[in-house]
N, C-alpha and C. Protein backbone atom coordinates (compact mmCIF):
# COMPACT_ATOMS: atom_id res chain seq x y z
N MET A 1 -34.24 -1.23 109.78
CA MET A 1 -33.55 -0.14 109.12
C MET A 1 -33.11 0.86 110.18
N VAL A 2 -31.90 1.38 110.00
CA VAL A 2 -31.38 2.42 110.89
C VAL A 2 -31.05 3.64 110.04
N LEU A 3 -31.51 4.80 110.47
CA LEU A 3 -31.21 6.06 109.79
C LEU A 3 -30.90 7.09 110.87
N VAL A 4 -29.69 7.62 110.84
CA VAL A 4 -29.29 8.66 111.78
C VAL A 4 -29.18 9.96 111.00
N GLU A 5 -29.95 10.97 111.43
CA GLU A 5 -30.01 12.24 110.71
C GLU A 5 -29.48 13.39 111.57
N ILE A 6 -28.79 14.32 110.93
CA ILE A 6 -28.33 15.52 111.61
C ILE A 6 -29.38 16.60 111.37
N PRO A 7 -30.03 17.08 112.44
CA PRO A 7 -31.10 18.06 112.26
C PRO A 7 -30.56 19.43 111.82
N ASN A 8 -31.39 20.19 111.13
CA ASN A 8 -31.00 21.53 110.69
C ASN A 8 -30.57 22.40 111.85
N THR A 9 -31.18 22.23 113.03
CA THR A 9 -30.80 23.06 114.18
C THR A 9 -29.33 22.88 114.54
N SER A 10 -28.79 21.69 114.32
CA SER A 10 -27.36 21.48 114.58
C SER A 10 -26.51 22.30 113.61
N TRP A 11 -26.86 22.24 112.31
CA TRP A 11 -26.10 22.98 111.30
C TRP A 11 -26.24 24.49 111.50
N ASP A 12 -27.39 24.93 112.05
CA ASP A 12 -27.65 26.35 112.23
C ASP A 12 -27.01 26.93 113.50
N ALA A 13 -26.48 26.09 114.38
CA ALA A 13 -25.93 26.56 115.66
C ALA A 13 -24.79 27.55 115.43
N PRO A 14 -24.74 28.63 116.21
CA PRO A 14 -23.67 29.62 116.05
C PRO A 14 -22.28 29.05 116.32
N THR A 15 -22.21 27.94 117.04
CA THR A 15 -20.90 27.33 117.33
C THR A 15 -20.41 26.43 116.21
N MET A 16 -21.26 26.15 115.22
CA MET A 16 -20.86 25.26 114.14
C MET A 16 -19.67 25.88 113.40
N PRO A 17 -18.61 25.08 113.14
CA PRO A 17 -17.43 25.66 112.48
C PRO A 17 -17.75 26.14 111.07
N LYS A 18 -17.03 27.16 110.68
CA LYS A 18 -17.11 27.68 109.32
C LYS A 18 -15.73 27.49 108.69
N PHE A 19 -15.69 27.24 107.40
CA PHE A 19 -14.44 26.91 106.74
C PHE A 19 -14.15 27.88 105.61
N MET A 20 -12.96 28.42 105.62
CA MET A 20 -12.49 29.32 104.56
C MET A 20 -11.48 28.53 103.72
N PHE A 21 -11.54 28.72 102.41
CA PHE A 21 -10.60 28.05 101.53
C PHE A 21 -10.46 28.87 100.25
N PRO A 22 -9.28 28.83 99.64
CA PRO A 22 -9.09 29.58 98.40
C PRO A 22 -9.74 28.86 97.22
N ALA A 23 -10.22 29.64 96.26
CA ALA A 23 -10.82 29.09 95.04
C ALA A 23 -10.25 29.84 93.84
N THR A 24 -10.26 29.19 92.71
CA THR A 24 -9.79 29.80 91.46
C THR A 24 -10.96 29.88 90.50
N GLN A 25 -11.18 31.09 89.97
CA GLN A 25 -12.26 31.31 89.02
C GLN A 25 -11.65 31.78 87.71
N THR A 26 -12.10 31.20 86.58
CA THR A 26 -11.52 31.56 85.29
C THR A 26 -12.17 32.76 84.65
N GLY A 27 -13.33 33.20 85.15
CA GLY A 27 -14.00 34.36 84.57
C GLY A 27 -15.37 34.55 85.18
N TRP A 28 -16.10 35.55 84.62
CA TRP A 28 -17.42 35.89 85.14
C TRP A 28 -18.54 35.53 84.19
N ASN A 29 -18.21 34.99 83.02
CA ASN A 29 -19.22 34.67 82.01
C ASN A 29 -19.70 33.23 82.12
N VAL A 30 -20.89 32.97 81.55
CA VAL A 30 -21.39 31.61 81.47
C VAL A 30 -20.33 30.76 80.78
N GLY A 31 -20.05 29.58 81.33
CA GLY A 31 -19.01 28.69 80.79
C GLY A 31 -17.70 28.79 81.55
N SER A 32 -17.49 29.86 82.33
CA SER A 32 -16.27 29.94 83.14
C SER A 32 -16.36 28.93 84.28
N THR A 33 -15.22 28.65 84.90
CA THR A 33 -15.20 27.64 85.95
C THR A 33 -14.68 28.22 87.26
N ILE A 34 -15.02 27.52 88.33
CA ILE A 34 -14.47 27.79 89.65
C ILE A 34 -14.04 26.44 90.21
N SER A 35 -12.87 26.41 90.84
CA SER A 35 -12.38 25.15 91.41
C SER A 35 -11.77 25.42 92.77
N TYR A 36 -11.90 24.44 93.65
CA TYR A 36 -11.33 24.56 94.99
C TYR A 36 -11.26 23.18 95.65
N THR A 37 -10.45 23.11 96.68
CA THR A 37 -10.37 21.96 97.56
C THR A 37 -10.71 22.44 98.95
N ALA A 38 -11.55 21.67 99.66
CA ALA A 38 -11.99 22.08 100.99
C ALA A 38 -11.89 20.92 101.97
N ASN A 39 -11.43 21.24 103.18
CA ASN A 39 -11.41 20.30 104.30
C ASN A 39 -12.46 20.76 105.29
N ALA A 40 -13.29 19.83 105.78
CA ALA A 40 -14.32 20.20 106.74
C ALA A 40 -14.36 19.18 107.89
N PRO A 41 -13.51 19.37 108.91
CA PRO A 41 -13.60 18.52 110.09
C PRO A 41 -14.65 19.08 111.06
N VAL A 42 -15.61 18.28 111.46
CA VAL A 42 -16.66 18.73 112.37
C VAL A 42 -16.65 17.83 113.61
N GLY A 43 -16.52 18.46 114.78
CA GLY A 43 -16.53 17.73 116.04
C GLY A 43 -15.15 17.43 116.59
N PHE A 44 -14.12 17.82 115.86
CA PHE A 44 -12.74 17.63 116.34
C PHE A 44 -11.86 18.70 115.71
N THR A 45 -10.68 18.90 116.31
CA THR A 45 -9.81 19.98 115.86
C THR A 45 -8.45 19.52 115.38
N THR A 46 -8.17 18.24 115.38
CA THR A 46 -6.86 17.78 114.96
C THR A 46 -6.74 17.81 113.45
N ASP A 47 -5.57 17.56 112.92
CA ASP A 47 -5.24 17.65 111.50
C ASP A 47 -6.25 16.87 110.64
N PRO A 48 -7.02 17.57 109.80
CA PRO A 48 -8.00 16.87 108.97
C PRO A 48 -7.37 16.00 107.90
N GLY A 49 -6.08 16.18 107.63
CA GLY A 49 -5.41 15.37 106.62
C GLY A 49 -4.72 14.14 107.18
N ALA A 50 -4.73 13.99 108.51
CA ALA A 50 -4.07 12.84 109.14
C ALA A 50 -4.81 11.55 108.80
N THR A 51 -4.14 10.44 108.98
CA THR A 51 -4.76 9.14 108.77
C THR A 51 -5.98 9.02 109.69
N TRP A 52 -7.11 8.63 109.12
CA TRP A 52 -8.35 8.50 109.90
C TRP A 52 -8.22 7.29 110.81
N PRO A 53 -8.46 7.46 112.10
CA PRO A 53 -8.32 6.32 113.02
C PRO A 53 -9.36 5.24 112.74
N THR A 54 -8.98 4.00 113.00
CA THR A 54 -9.90 2.89 112.79
C THR A 54 -10.92 2.79 113.91
N ALA A 55 -10.61 3.36 115.08
CA ALA A 55 -11.52 3.29 116.23
C ALA A 55 -11.92 4.68 116.68
N ASN A 56 -13.12 4.79 117.28
CA ASN A 56 -13.59 6.08 117.77
C ASN A 56 -12.69 6.64 118.86
N THR A 57 -11.97 5.80 119.58
CA THR A 57 -11.08 6.27 120.64
C THR A 57 -9.84 6.96 120.07
N GLY A 58 -9.63 6.85 118.77
CA GLY A 58 -8.48 7.49 118.13
C GLY A 58 -8.72 8.93 117.72
N ILE A 59 -9.95 9.42 117.87
CA ILE A 59 -10.26 10.81 117.52
C ILE A 59 -9.78 11.70 118.65
N MET A 60 -8.89 12.63 118.34
CA MET A 60 -8.35 13.56 119.34
C MET A 60 -8.89 14.96 119.09
N GLY A 61 -8.83 15.79 120.11
CA GLY A 61 -9.26 17.18 119.97
C GLY A 61 -10.76 17.33 119.80
N LEU A 62 -11.55 16.52 120.52
CA LEU A 62 -13.01 16.60 120.40
C LEU A 62 -13.53 17.95 120.87
N VAL A 63 -14.51 18.48 120.15
CA VAL A 63 -15.17 19.74 120.51
C VAL A 63 -16.68 19.56 120.35
N ASP A 64 -17.42 20.42 121.00
CA ASP A 64 -18.89 20.45 120.90
C ASP A 64 -19.26 21.34 119.72
N ALA A 65 -19.38 20.75 118.54
CA ALA A 65 -19.58 21.53 117.31
C ALA A 65 -20.89 22.31 117.30
N ASP A 66 -21.96 21.74 117.84
CA ASP A 66 -23.26 22.39 117.77
C ASP A 66 -23.67 23.07 119.07
N GLY A 67 -22.77 23.11 120.05
CA GLY A 67 -23.01 23.87 121.28
C GLY A 67 -24.12 23.34 122.17
N ASP A 68 -24.38 22.03 122.10
CA ASP A 68 -25.47 21.48 122.91
C ASP A 68 -25.00 20.81 124.20
N GLY A 69 -23.70 20.92 124.51
CA GLY A 69 -23.17 20.35 125.74
C GLY A 69 -22.59 18.96 125.58
N SER A 70 -22.67 18.37 124.39
CA SER A 70 -22.11 17.05 124.13
C SER A 70 -21.02 17.17 123.07
N LEU A 71 -19.90 16.49 123.28
CA LEU A 71 -18.79 16.54 122.32
C LEU A 71 -19.23 15.93 120.99
N GLY A 72 -18.74 16.49 119.90
CA GLY A 72 -19.09 16.04 118.57
C GLY A 72 -20.26 16.83 118.02
N LEU A 73 -20.96 16.23 117.08
CA LEU A 73 -22.12 16.80 116.41
C LEU A 73 -23.30 15.86 116.70
N THR A 74 -24.35 16.38 117.31
CA THR A 74 -25.46 15.53 117.72
C THR A 74 -26.37 15.20 116.53
N ALA A 75 -26.60 13.91 116.35
CA ALA A 75 -27.51 13.41 115.31
C ALA A 75 -28.60 12.59 116.00
N LEU A 76 -29.74 12.49 115.33
CA LEU A 76 -30.90 11.82 115.92
C LEU A 76 -31.32 10.62 115.08
N PRO A 77 -31.36 9.43 115.68
CA PRO A 77 -31.85 8.25 114.95
C PRO A 77 -33.35 8.36 114.70
N LYS A 78 -33.76 7.95 113.53
CA LYS A 78 -35.18 7.94 113.17
C LYS A 78 -35.81 6.69 113.79
N SER A 79 -37.04 6.83 114.30
CA SER A 79 -37.77 5.69 114.87
C SER A 79 -39.16 5.64 114.26
N GLY A 80 -39.70 4.45 114.13
CA GLY A 80 -41.03 4.26 113.57
C GLY A 80 -40.99 4.09 112.06
N SER A 81 -42.10 3.67 111.48
CA SER A 81 -42.23 3.44 110.03
C SER A 81 -41.14 2.50 109.51
N GLY A 82 -40.83 1.48 110.32
CA GLY A 82 -39.82 0.50 109.91
C GLY A 82 -38.42 0.82 110.38
N TYR A 83 -38.19 2.01 110.93
CA TYR A 83 -36.87 2.40 111.42
C TYR A 83 -36.74 2.08 112.90
N VAL A 84 -35.56 1.65 113.30
CA VAL A 84 -35.25 1.41 114.71
C VAL A 84 -33.99 2.17 115.07
N ALA A 85 -33.90 2.57 116.32
CA ALA A 85 -32.70 3.26 116.80
C ALA A 85 -31.59 2.24 117.00
N PRO A 86 -30.34 2.68 116.87
CA PRO A 86 -29.22 1.75 117.04
C PRO A 86 -29.18 1.16 118.45
N PRO A 87 -28.87 -0.14 118.57
CA PRO A 87 -28.74 -0.76 119.88
C PRO A 87 -27.37 -0.42 120.49
N THR A 88 -27.28 -0.57 121.81
CA THR A 88 -26.02 -0.29 122.51
C THR A 88 -25.17 -1.55 122.72
N SER A 89 -25.74 -2.72 122.39
CA SER A 89 -24.97 -3.98 122.53
C SER A 89 -25.61 -5.04 121.65
N ILE A 90 -24.94 -6.16 121.56
CA ILE A 90 -25.46 -7.28 120.77
C ILE A 90 -26.76 -7.81 121.36
N LEU A 91 -26.98 -7.61 122.66
CA LEU A 91 -28.20 -8.07 123.31
C LEU A 91 -29.42 -7.23 122.92
N GLN A 92 -29.19 -6.01 122.43
CA GLN A 92 -30.23 -5.08 122.00
C GLN A 92 -31.27 -4.80 123.09
N THR A 93 -30.81 -4.71 124.34
CA THR A 93 -31.72 -4.41 125.45
C THR A 93 -31.96 -2.92 125.62
N SER A 94 -31.08 -2.11 125.06
CA SER A 94 -31.31 -0.66 125.07
C SER A 94 -30.87 -0.08 123.74
N ARG A 95 -31.46 1.07 123.42
CA ARG A 95 -31.16 1.74 122.15
C ARG A 95 -30.86 3.21 122.43
N VAL A 96 -30.29 3.87 121.43
CA VAL A 96 -29.90 5.26 121.62
C VAL A 96 -30.88 6.21 120.95
N ASP A 97 -31.05 7.39 121.57
CA ASP A 97 -31.89 8.43 120.96
C ASP A 97 -31.06 9.62 120.48
N LYS A 98 -29.76 9.60 120.77
CA LYS A 98 -28.83 10.61 120.26
C LYS A 98 -27.50 9.93 119.96
N VAL A 99 -26.89 10.37 118.88
CA VAL A 99 -25.58 9.86 118.48
C VAL A 99 -24.67 11.07 118.31
N TYR A 100 -23.52 11.06 118.97
CA TYR A 100 -22.57 12.16 118.89
C TYR A 100 -21.47 11.76 117.90
N LEU A 101 -21.38 12.50 116.80
CA LEU A 101 -20.52 12.16 115.67
C LEU A 101 -19.34 13.12 115.51
N THR A 102 -18.31 12.62 114.87
CA THR A 102 -17.30 13.46 114.24
C THR A 102 -17.33 13.11 112.76
N THR A 103 -17.11 14.11 111.92
CA THR A 103 -17.08 13.86 110.48
C THR A 103 -15.89 14.59 109.87
N ARG A 104 -15.36 14.01 108.80
CA ARG A 104 -14.30 14.66 108.03
C ARG A 104 -14.64 14.48 106.56
N ASN A 105 -14.79 15.61 105.88
CA ASN A 105 -15.05 15.61 104.44
C ASN A 105 -13.98 16.47 103.77
N THR A 106 -13.26 15.87 102.84
CA THR A 106 -12.28 16.60 102.04
C THR A 106 -12.68 16.41 100.59
N THR A 107 -12.92 17.54 99.92
CA THR A 107 -13.42 17.48 98.55
C THR A 107 -12.60 18.35 97.61
N SER A 108 -12.57 17.94 96.35
CA SER A 108 -12.06 18.77 95.26
C SER A 108 -13.24 19.01 94.33
N VAL A 109 -13.49 20.27 94.03
CA VAL A 109 -14.70 20.65 93.30
C VAL A 109 -14.31 21.43 92.05
N VAL A 110 -14.95 21.11 90.92
CA VAL A 110 -14.82 21.87 89.68
C VAL A 110 -16.23 22.16 89.19
N LEU A 111 -16.59 23.45 89.17
CA LEU A 111 -17.93 23.86 88.79
C LEU A 111 -17.88 24.77 87.57
N THR A 112 -18.92 24.69 86.73
CA THR A 112 -19.04 25.54 85.54
C THR A 112 -20.21 26.48 85.74
N ARG A 113 -19.99 27.77 85.42
CA ARG A 113 -21.04 28.77 85.55
C ARG A 113 -22.13 28.50 84.52
N LYS A 114 -23.38 28.30 85.01
CA LYS A 114 -24.53 28.06 84.15
C LYS A 114 -25.36 29.32 83.95
N ALA A 115 -25.27 30.26 84.90
CA ALA A 115 -25.97 31.54 84.84
C ALA A 115 -25.16 32.51 85.70
N CYS A 116 -25.57 33.76 85.74
CA CYS A 116 -24.78 34.74 86.49
C CYS A 116 -24.68 34.40 87.98
N ASP A 117 -25.65 33.64 88.50
CA ASP A 117 -25.66 33.33 89.94
C ASP A 117 -25.65 31.83 90.24
N GLU A 118 -25.27 31.00 89.25
CA GLU A 118 -25.36 29.55 89.47
C GLU A 118 -24.22 28.80 88.80
N PHE A 119 -23.65 27.85 89.55
CA PHE A 119 -22.62 26.94 89.06
C PHE A 119 -23.07 25.51 89.30
N THR A 120 -22.67 24.57 88.44
CA THR A 120 -22.87 23.14 88.68
C THR A 120 -21.62 22.39 88.23
N GLY A 121 -21.41 21.21 88.80
CA GLY A 121 -20.24 20.45 88.39
C GLY A 121 -20.02 19.21 89.24
N THR A 122 -18.79 18.73 89.21
CA THR A 122 -18.44 17.47 89.86
C THR A 122 -17.66 17.71 91.15
N VAL A 123 -17.78 16.73 92.03
CA VAL A 123 -17.07 16.73 93.31
C VAL A 123 -16.34 15.41 93.44
N THR A 124 -15.08 15.48 93.82
CA THR A 124 -14.30 14.29 94.13
C THR A 124 -14.01 14.29 95.62
N PHE A 125 -14.38 13.23 96.30
CA PHE A 125 -14.13 13.11 97.73
C PHE A 125 -12.82 12.39 97.98
N THR A 126 -11.91 13.06 98.68
CA THR A 126 -10.68 12.42 99.14
C THR A 126 -10.96 11.71 100.46
N HIS A 127 -11.75 12.36 101.32
CA HIS A 127 -12.14 11.78 102.62
C HIS A 127 -13.63 12.00 102.83
N PHE A 128 -14.31 10.97 103.30
CA PHE A 128 -15.72 11.05 103.66
C PHE A 128 -15.89 10.12 104.86
N ASP A 129 -15.46 10.59 106.02
CA ASP A 129 -15.30 9.75 107.19
C ASP A 129 -16.19 10.18 108.34
N ASN A 130 -16.48 9.25 109.22
CA ASN A 130 -17.22 9.56 110.43
C ASN A 130 -16.87 8.56 111.52
N HIS A 131 -17.10 8.96 112.75
CA HIS A 131 -17.02 8.07 113.91
C HIS A 131 -18.08 8.50 114.91
N VAL A 132 -18.60 7.55 115.65
CA VAL A 132 -19.49 7.82 116.78
C VAL A 132 -18.59 7.95 118.00
N VAL A 133 -18.56 9.14 118.61
CA VAL A 133 -17.69 9.36 119.78
C VAL A 133 -18.48 9.35 121.08
N GLY A 134 -19.78 9.19 120.99
CA GLY A 134 -20.63 9.12 122.17
C GLY A 134 -22.07 8.93 121.75
N CYS A 135 -22.93 8.72 122.73
CA CYS A 135 -24.35 8.54 122.44
C CYS A 135 -25.14 8.70 123.73
N HIS A 136 -26.45 8.71 123.59
CA HIS A 136 -27.36 8.84 124.74
C HIS A 136 -28.36 7.70 124.67
N VAL A 137 -28.55 6.99 125.79
CA VAL A 137 -29.47 5.86 125.85
C VAL A 137 -30.89 6.39 126.02
N MET A 138 -31.83 5.86 125.21
CA MET A 138 -33.24 6.24 125.33
C MET A 138 -33.72 6.06 126.77
N GLY A 139 -34.31 7.13 127.32
CA GLY A 139 -34.84 7.07 128.67
C GLY A 139 -33.79 6.97 129.75
N GLY A 140 -32.53 7.21 129.40
CA GLY A 140 -31.45 7.06 130.38
C GLY A 140 -30.47 8.20 130.34
N GLN A 141 -29.21 7.84 130.35
CA GLN A 141 -28.14 8.84 130.37
C GLN A 141 -27.18 8.58 129.21
N ASP A 142 -26.10 9.33 129.17
CA ASP A 142 -25.12 9.13 128.11
C ASP A 142 -24.58 7.70 128.16
N CYS A 143 -24.25 7.17 127.00
CA CYS A 143 -23.72 5.82 126.88
C CYS A 143 -22.39 5.69 127.61
N THR A 144 -22.08 4.47 128.00
CA THR A 144 -20.75 4.16 128.51
C THR A 144 -19.80 4.14 127.31
N ALA A 145 -18.51 4.13 127.58
CA ALA A 145 -17.52 4.05 126.49
C ALA A 145 -17.73 2.77 125.67
N ALA A 146 -18.06 1.67 126.34
CA ALA A 146 -18.27 0.40 125.63
C ALA A 146 -19.50 0.48 124.73
N GLU A 147 -20.56 1.12 125.21
CA GLU A 147 -21.78 1.25 124.39
C GLU A 147 -21.51 2.15 123.18
N ALA A 148 -20.81 3.25 123.39
CA ALA A 148 -20.48 4.15 122.27
C ALA A 148 -19.61 3.42 121.24
N THR A 149 -18.68 2.62 121.71
CA THR A 149 -17.82 1.86 120.80
C THR A 149 -18.64 0.84 120.02
N PHE A 150 -19.63 0.20 120.66
CA PHE A 150 -20.50 -0.75 119.95
C PHE A 150 -21.27 -0.02 118.84
N VAL A 151 -21.84 1.14 119.16
CA VAL A 151 -22.58 1.90 118.15
C VAL A 151 -21.63 2.30 117.02
N ASP A 152 -20.43 2.75 117.37
CA ASP A 152 -19.45 3.14 116.35
C ASP A 152 -19.06 1.96 115.47
N ASN A 153 -18.82 0.81 116.07
CA ASN A 153 -18.41 -0.37 115.30
C ASN A 153 -19.50 -0.84 114.35
N ASN A 154 -20.74 -0.43 114.59
CA ASN A 154 -21.86 -0.87 113.76
C ASN A 154 -22.49 0.28 112.97
N ARG A 155 -21.79 1.41 112.87
CA ARG A 155 -22.30 2.57 112.13
C ARG A 155 -22.19 2.31 110.63
N THR A 156 -22.85 3.14 109.86
CA THR A 156 -22.72 3.10 108.41
C THR A 156 -21.42 3.78 108.03
N VAL A 157 -20.62 3.12 107.22
CA VAL A 157 -19.39 3.70 106.68
C VAL A 157 -19.66 3.98 105.21
N PHE A 158 -19.67 5.25 104.86
CA PHE A 158 -20.04 5.66 103.51
C PHE A 158 -18.84 5.64 102.57
N GLN A 159 -19.11 5.33 101.30
CA GLN A 159 -18.13 5.47 100.23
C GLN A 159 -18.81 6.19 99.08
N VAL A 160 -18.21 7.27 98.63
CA VAL A 160 -18.82 8.06 97.56
C VAL A 160 -18.28 7.56 96.22
N ALA A 161 -19.19 7.11 95.35
CA ALA A 161 -18.79 6.65 94.02
C ALA A 161 -18.71 7.82 93.05
N SER A 162 -19.69 8.73 93.14
CA SER A 162 -19.68 9.93 92.31
C SER A 162 -20.55 10.97 92.99
N ALA A 163 -20.26 12.23 92.69
CA ALA A 163 -21.03 13.31 93.32
C ALA A 163 -21.05 14.52 92.41
N THR A 164 -22.13 15.28 92.51
CA THR A 164 -22.23 16.55 91.81
C THR A 164 -22.53 17.65 92.82
N SER A 165 -22.31 18.87 92.42
CA SER A 165 -22.55 20.01 93.30
C SER A 165 -23.23 21.12 92.53
N GLN A 166 -24.01 21.88 93.26
CA GLN A 166 -24.65 23.06 92.70
C GLN A 166 -24.36 24.21 93.66
N MET A 167 -23.99 25.36 93.11
CA MET A 167 -23.71 26.54 93.91
C MET A 167 -24.54 27.69 93.38
N LYS A 168 -25.14 28.44 94.30
CA LYS A 168 -25.91 29.63 93.92
C LYS A 168 -25.44 30.79 94.76
N SER A 169 -25.49 31.97 94.20
CA SER A 169 -25.17 33.18 94.96
C SER A 169 -26.33 33.51 95.87
N VAL A 170 -26.01 33.90 97.09
CA VAL A 170 -27.02 34.36 98.06
C VAL A 170 -26.50 35.66 98.65
N PRO A 171 -27.37 36.47 99.24
CA PRO A 171 -26.92 37.73 99.84
C PRO A 171 -25.91 37.47 100.96
N ASP A 172 -25.05 38.45 101.21
CA ASP A 172 -24.04 38.33 102.26
C ASP A 172 -24.64 38.01 103.62
N ASN A 173 -25.85 38.48 103.89
CA ASN A 173 -26.48 38.25 105.19
C ASN A 173 -27.41 37.03 105.18
N ALA A 174 -27.26 36.14 104.20
CA ALA A 174 -28.13 34.96 104.10
C ALA A 174 -27.93 34.04 105.30
N THR A 175 -29.02 33.44 105.73
CA THR A 175 -28.98 32.47 106.82
C THR A 175 -28.89 31.06 106.23
N CYS A 176 -28.67 30.08 107.09
CA CYS A 176 -28.68 28.69 106.63
C CYS A 176 -30.03 28.34 106.01
N ALA A 177 -31.11 28.85 106.60
CA ALA A 177 -32.45 28.60 106.05
C ALA A 177 -32.57 29.19 104.64
N ASP A 178 -31.97 30.36 104.41
CA ASP A 178 -32.00 30.97 103.07
C ASP A 178 -31.28 30.08 102.05
N VAL A 179 -30.15 29.52 102.47
CA VAL A 179 -29.39 28.63 101.58
C VAL A 179 -30.19 27.37 101.28
N ARG A 180 -30.80 26.78 102.30
CA ARG A 180 -31.63 25.59 102.07
C ARG A 180 -32.78 25.90 101.12
N ALA A 181 -33.36 27.09 101.20
CA ALA A 181 -34.46 27.48 100.31
C ALA A 181 -33.95 27.66 98.88
N ALA A 182 -32.72 28.17 98.71
CA ALA A 182 -32.16 28.38 97.38
C ALA A 182 -31.76 27.06 96.71
N LEU A 183 -31.41 26.08 97.53
CA LEU A 183 -30.96 24.78 97.02
C LEU A 183 -31.74 23.66 97.71
N PRO A 184 -33.03 23.54 97.41
CA PRO A 184 -33.83 22.52 98.10
C PRO A 184 -33.35 21.11 97.77
N MET A 185 -33.46 20.23 98.77
CA MET A 185 -33.06 18.83 98.56
C MET A 185 -34.29 17.96 98.44
């Protein structure tokens, strides 16, 4: 089993992009709705609506989203308890301890107010894409381009069948940790 996770410290980094988008709200009472469409490209700066490249080498405008010195967004493969880190080749002689990702999520959201500070509803994903643009070999250095391409070619490609969303009001000065506490997973 392979599981690559993005740690909270990456999402909490001051360099992580923030996204502004317009929303439409029908009212302030229970039963009113809010709707919006949002694009969230992380790890690159090119047009989020462009055709998603089939290869990791097609991602242009790479940036260090989490400010750790590596382009993309750093994710960590889980090891132990049946999990193994992704190999760098078919020979599986080395594995990676860091994966540098780009992600693109484009969603359309329609939420209904359930209480004065809470909305729930459905999410439609137009784009839910990722690529591995680099990696780090366990006990070694950053992957070669060929190793990163191997990891990318063998990554999980997600398809969203259905999704729901929950939104809660938090204070203007709320931190990412405050949001995670308000909406535990």
